């Protein structure tokens, strides 16, 4: 079986993709994406879900009201 350039690129990129995903999860950057996935799973549609701006505003307001939900 011959290895193509795309196979090599895929194999090489896989660990970097995993690190990128992990850092976004730790930093909270994936929070909106996770919210959308959860909303879609529960409701079957994204209609009625919060927009990106509203989501982040509500999240930061909640963190301000409840400072124990974050480390700093």
N, C-alpha and C. Protein backbone atom coordinates (compact mmCIF):
# COMPACT_ATOMS: atom_id res chain seq x y z
N UNK A 1 0.85 -1.18 0.00
CA UNK A 1 0.00 0.00 0.00
C UNK A 1 0.89 1.23 0.00
N UNK A 2 0.68 2.13 -0.93
CA UNK A 2 1.52 3.32 -1.00
C UNK A 2 0.92 4.43 -0.15
N UNK A 3 1.80 5.22 0.42
CA UNK A 3 1.39 6.34 1.24
C UNK A 3 1.41 7.60 0.39
N UNK A 4 0.29 8.29 0.36
CA UNK A 4 0.20 9.51 -0.44
C UNK A 4 0.51 10.71 0.43
N UNK A 5 0.69 11.84 -0.21
CA UNK A 5 0.98 13.08 0.52
C UNK A 5 -0.16 13.44 1.47
N UNK A 6 -1.39 13.20 1.05
CA UNK A 6 -2.52 13.52 1.92
C UNK A 6 -2.56 12.62 3.15
N UNK A 7 -2.13 11.36 3.00
CA UNK A 7 -2.04 10.46 4.14
C UNK A 7 -1.01 10.96 5.15
N UNK A 8 0.13 11.38 4.64
CA UNK A 8 1.20 11.89 5.51
C UNK A 8 0.73 13.15 6.22
N UNK A 9 0.07 14.04 5.49
CA UNK A 9 -0.43 15.27 6.09
C UNK A 9 -1.46 14.97 7.17
N UNK A 10 -2.35 14.04 6.91
CA UNK A 10 -3.38 13.67 7.89
C UNK A 10 -2.73 13.09 9.15
N UNK A 11 -1.76 12.21 8.99
CA UNK A 11 -1.07 11.60 10.13
C UNK A 11 -0.30 12.65 10.92
N UNK A 12 0.35 13.56 10.22
CA UNK A 12 1.14 14.60 10.88
C UNK A 12 0.25 15.61 11.60
N UNK A 13 -0.88 15.95 11.02
CA UNK A 13 -1.76 16.98 11.58
C UNK A 13 -2.58 16.48 12.76
N UNK A 14 -2.79 15.18 12.87
CA UNK A 14 -3.67 14.64 13.90
C UNK A 14 -3.29 15.06 15.32
N UNK A 15 -2.02 14.94 15.74
CA UNK A 15 -1.69 15.36 17.11
C UNK A 15 -1.88 16.87 17.32
N UNK A 16 -1.59 17.67 16.30
CA UNK A 16 -1.76 19.11 16.43
C UNK A 16 -3.24 19.47 16.55
N UNK A 17 -4.08 18.76 15.82
CA UNK A 17 -5.51 18.98 15.90
C UNK A 17 -6.02 18.64 17.30
N UNK A 18 -5.52 17.56 17.87
CA UNK A 18 -5.92 17.16 19.22
C UNK A 18 -5.49 18.20 20.25
N UNK A 19 -4.28 18.71 20.13
CA UNK A 19 -3.80 19.73 21.07
C UNK A 19 -4.63 21.00 20.92
N UNK A 20 -4.92 21.40 19.69
CA UNK A 20 -5.73 22.59 19.43
C UNK A 20 -7.11 22.44 20.07
N UNK A 21 -7.76 21.28 19.88
CA UNK A 21 -9.07 21.03 20.46
C UNK A 21 -8.98 21.08 21.99
N UNK A 22 -7.97 20.46 22.56
CA UNK A 22 -7.81 20.42 24.01
C UNK A 22 -7.63 21.82 24.59
N UNK A 23 -6.82 22.64 23.96
CA UNK A 23 -6.59 24.00 24.44
C UNK A 23 -7.87 24.83 24.35
N UNK A 24 -8.66 24.63 23.32
CA UNK A 24 -9.93 25.36 23.20
C UNK A 24 -10.93 24.91 24.27
N UNK A 25 -10.91 23.64 24.62
CA UNK A 25 -11.78 23.15 25.69
C UNK A 25 -11.36 23.72 27.04
N UNK A 26 -10.07 23.71 27.32
CA UNK A 26 -9.56 24.22 28.59
C UNK A 26 -9.83 25.71 28.72
N UNK A 27 -9.63 26.46 27.65
CA UNK A 27 -9.80 27.92 27.70
C UNK A 27 -11.27 28.34 27.67
N UNK A 28 -12.15 27.45 27.28
CA UNK A 28 -13.57 27.77 27.20
C UNK A 28 -13.99 28.31 25.85
N UNK A 29 -13.08 28.34 24.89
CA UNK A 29 -13.39 28.88 23.57
C UNK A 29 -14.44 28.04 22.84
N UNK A 30 -14.59 26.78 23.19
CA UNK A 30 -15.57 25.90 22.54
C UNK A 30 -16.94 25.94 23.23
N UNK A 31 -17.11 26.81 24.21
CA UNK A 31 -18.35 26.83 24.98
C UNK A 31 -19.58 27.06 24.10
N UNK A 32 -19.50 27.99 23.16
CA UNK A 32 -20.65 28.27 22.30
C UNK A 32 -20.96 27.08 21.39
N UNK A 33 -19.93 26.46 20.85
CA UNK A 33 -20.12 25.29 19.99
C UNK A 33 -20.77 24.16 20.80
N UNK A 34 -20.29 23.95 22.02
CA UNK A 34 -20.86 22.91 22.88
C UNK A 34 -22.31 23.23 23.24
N UNK A 35 -22.60 24.52 23.48
CA UNK A 35 -23.98 24.94 23.77
C UNK A 35 -24.89 24.62 22.58
N UNK A 36 -24.43 24.95 21.37
CA UNK A 36 -25.24 24.67 20.18
C UNK A 36 -25.48 23.18 19.99
N UNK A 37 -24.46 22.37 20.20
CA UNK A 37 -24.62 20.91 20.07
C UNK A 37 -25.62 20.40 21.09
N UNK A 38 -25.52 20.88 22.32
CA UNK A 38 -26.42 20.45 23.38
C UNK A 38 -27.86 20.89 23.08
N UNK A 39 -28.02 22.13 22.64
CA UNK A 39 -29.35 22.65 22.32
C UNK A 39 -29.98 21.84 21.19
N UNK A 40 -29.20 21.57 20.16
CA UNK A 40 -29.69 20.79 19.02
C UNK A 40 -30.10 19.38 19.45
N UNK A 41 -29.31 18.77 20.32
CA UNK A 41 -29.62 17.43 20.82
C UNK A 41 -30.94 17.43 21.60
N UNK A 42 -31.14 18.46 22.43
CA UNK A 42 -32.33 18.51 23.28
C UNK A 42 -33.59 18.94 22.53
N UNK A 43 -33.45 19.87 21.57
CA UNK A 43 -34.62 20.45 20.92
C UNK A 43 -34.81 20.02 19.47
N UNK A 44 -33.79 19.44 18.86
CA UNK A 44 -33.92 18.98 17.48
C UNK A 44 -33.75 20.08 16.44
N UNK A 45 -33.59 21.31 16.89
CA UNK A 45 -33.40 22.45 16.00
C UNK A 45 -32.65 23.54 16.75
N UNK A 46 -31.99 24.41 16.00
CA UNK A 46 -31.31 25.55 16.64
C UNK A 46 -32.22 26.77 16.72
N UNK A 47 -33.41 26.65 16.16
CA UNK A 47 -34.36 27.77 16.23
C UNK A 47 -34.72 28.03 17.69
N UNK A 48 -34.60 29.27 18.10
CA UNK A 48 -34.90 29.63 19.49
C UNK A 48 -33.67 29.63 20.38
N UNK A 49 -32.54 29.16 19.88
CA UNK A 49 -31.32 29.16 20.70
C UNK A 49 -30.73 30.57 20.73
N UNK A 50 -29.85 30.81 21.67
CA UNK A 50 -29.20 32.10 21.81
C UNK A 50 -28.21 32.30 20.66
N UNK A 51 -28.05 33.54 20.26
CA UNK A 51 -27.02 33.88 19.30
C UNK A 51 -25.67 33.91 20.01
N UNK A 52 -24.61 34.02 19.24
CA UNK A 52 -23.27 34.00 19.81
C UNK A 52 -23.06 35.13 20.81
N UNK A 53 -23.44 36.33 20.44
CA UNK A 53 -23.25 37.48 21.32
C UNK A 53 -24.05 37.33 22.62
N UNK A 54 -25.31 36.92 22.51
CA UNK A 54 -26.16 36.74 23.68
C UNK A 54 -25.61 35.62 24.58
N UNK A 55 -25.13 34.54 23.98
CA UNK A 55 -24.57 33.44 24.75
C UNK A 55 -23.38 33.92 25.59
N UNK A 56 -22.43 34.60 24.93
CA UNK A 56 -21.23 35.05 25.65
C UNK A 56 -21.57 36.08 26.71
N UNK A 57 -22.53 36.97 26.43
CA UNK A 57 -22.94 37.96 27.42
C UNK A 57 -23.54 37.27 28.64
N UNK A 58 -24.44 36.31 28.41
CA UNK A 58 -25.04 35.57 29.52
C UNK A 58 -24.00 34.78 30.31
N UNK A 59 -23.06 34.18 29.60
CA UNK A 59 -22.02 33.39 30.27
C UNK A 59 -21.15 34.27 31.16
N UNK A 60 -20.71 35.41 30.65
CA UNK A 60 -19.87 36.30 31.47
C UNK A 60 -20.66 36.91 32.61
N UNK A 61 -21.94 37.22 32.39
CA UNK A 61 -22.78 37.72 33.49
C UNK A 61 -22.90 36.67 34.58
N UNK A 62 -23.11 35.41 34.20
CA UNK A 62 -23.20 34.32 35.17
C UNK A 62 -21.89 34.16 35.93
N UNK A 63 -20.78 34.28 35.25
CA UNK A 63 -19.48 34.17 35.91
C UNK A 63 -19.25 35.32 36.87
N UNK A 64 -19.75 36.51 36.54
CA UNK A 64 -19.64 37.65 37.45
C UNK A 64 -20.51 37.45 38.69
N UNK A 65 -21.71 36.88 38.51
CA UNK A 65 -22.60 36.61 39.64
C UNK A 65 -22.08 35.47 40.51
N UNK A 66 -21.38 34.52 39.90
CA UNK A 66 -20.92 33.33 40.60
C UNK A 66 -19.42 33.16 40.36
N UNK A 67 -18.57 33.92 41.07
CA UNK A 67 -17.13 33.88 40.79
C UNK A 67 -16.46 32.55 41.09
N UNK A 68 -17.12 31.63 41.75
CA UNK A 68 -16.50 30.33 42.03
C UNK A 68 -16.49 29.44 40.80
N UNK A 69 -17.16 29.87 39.73
CA UNK A 69 -17.22 29.04 38.53
C UNK A 69 -15.98 29.16 37.66
N UNK A 70 -15.01 29.94 38.10
CA UNK A 70 -13.76 30.07 37.34
C UNK A 70 -12.60 30.22 38.31
N UNK A 71 -11.42 30.04 37.80
CA UNK A 71 -10.25 30.03 38.68
C UNK A 71 -9.73 31.42 38.99
N UNK A 72 -9.94 32.39 38.11
CA UNK A 72 -9.33 33.72 38.31
C UNK A 72 -10.36 34.82 38.37
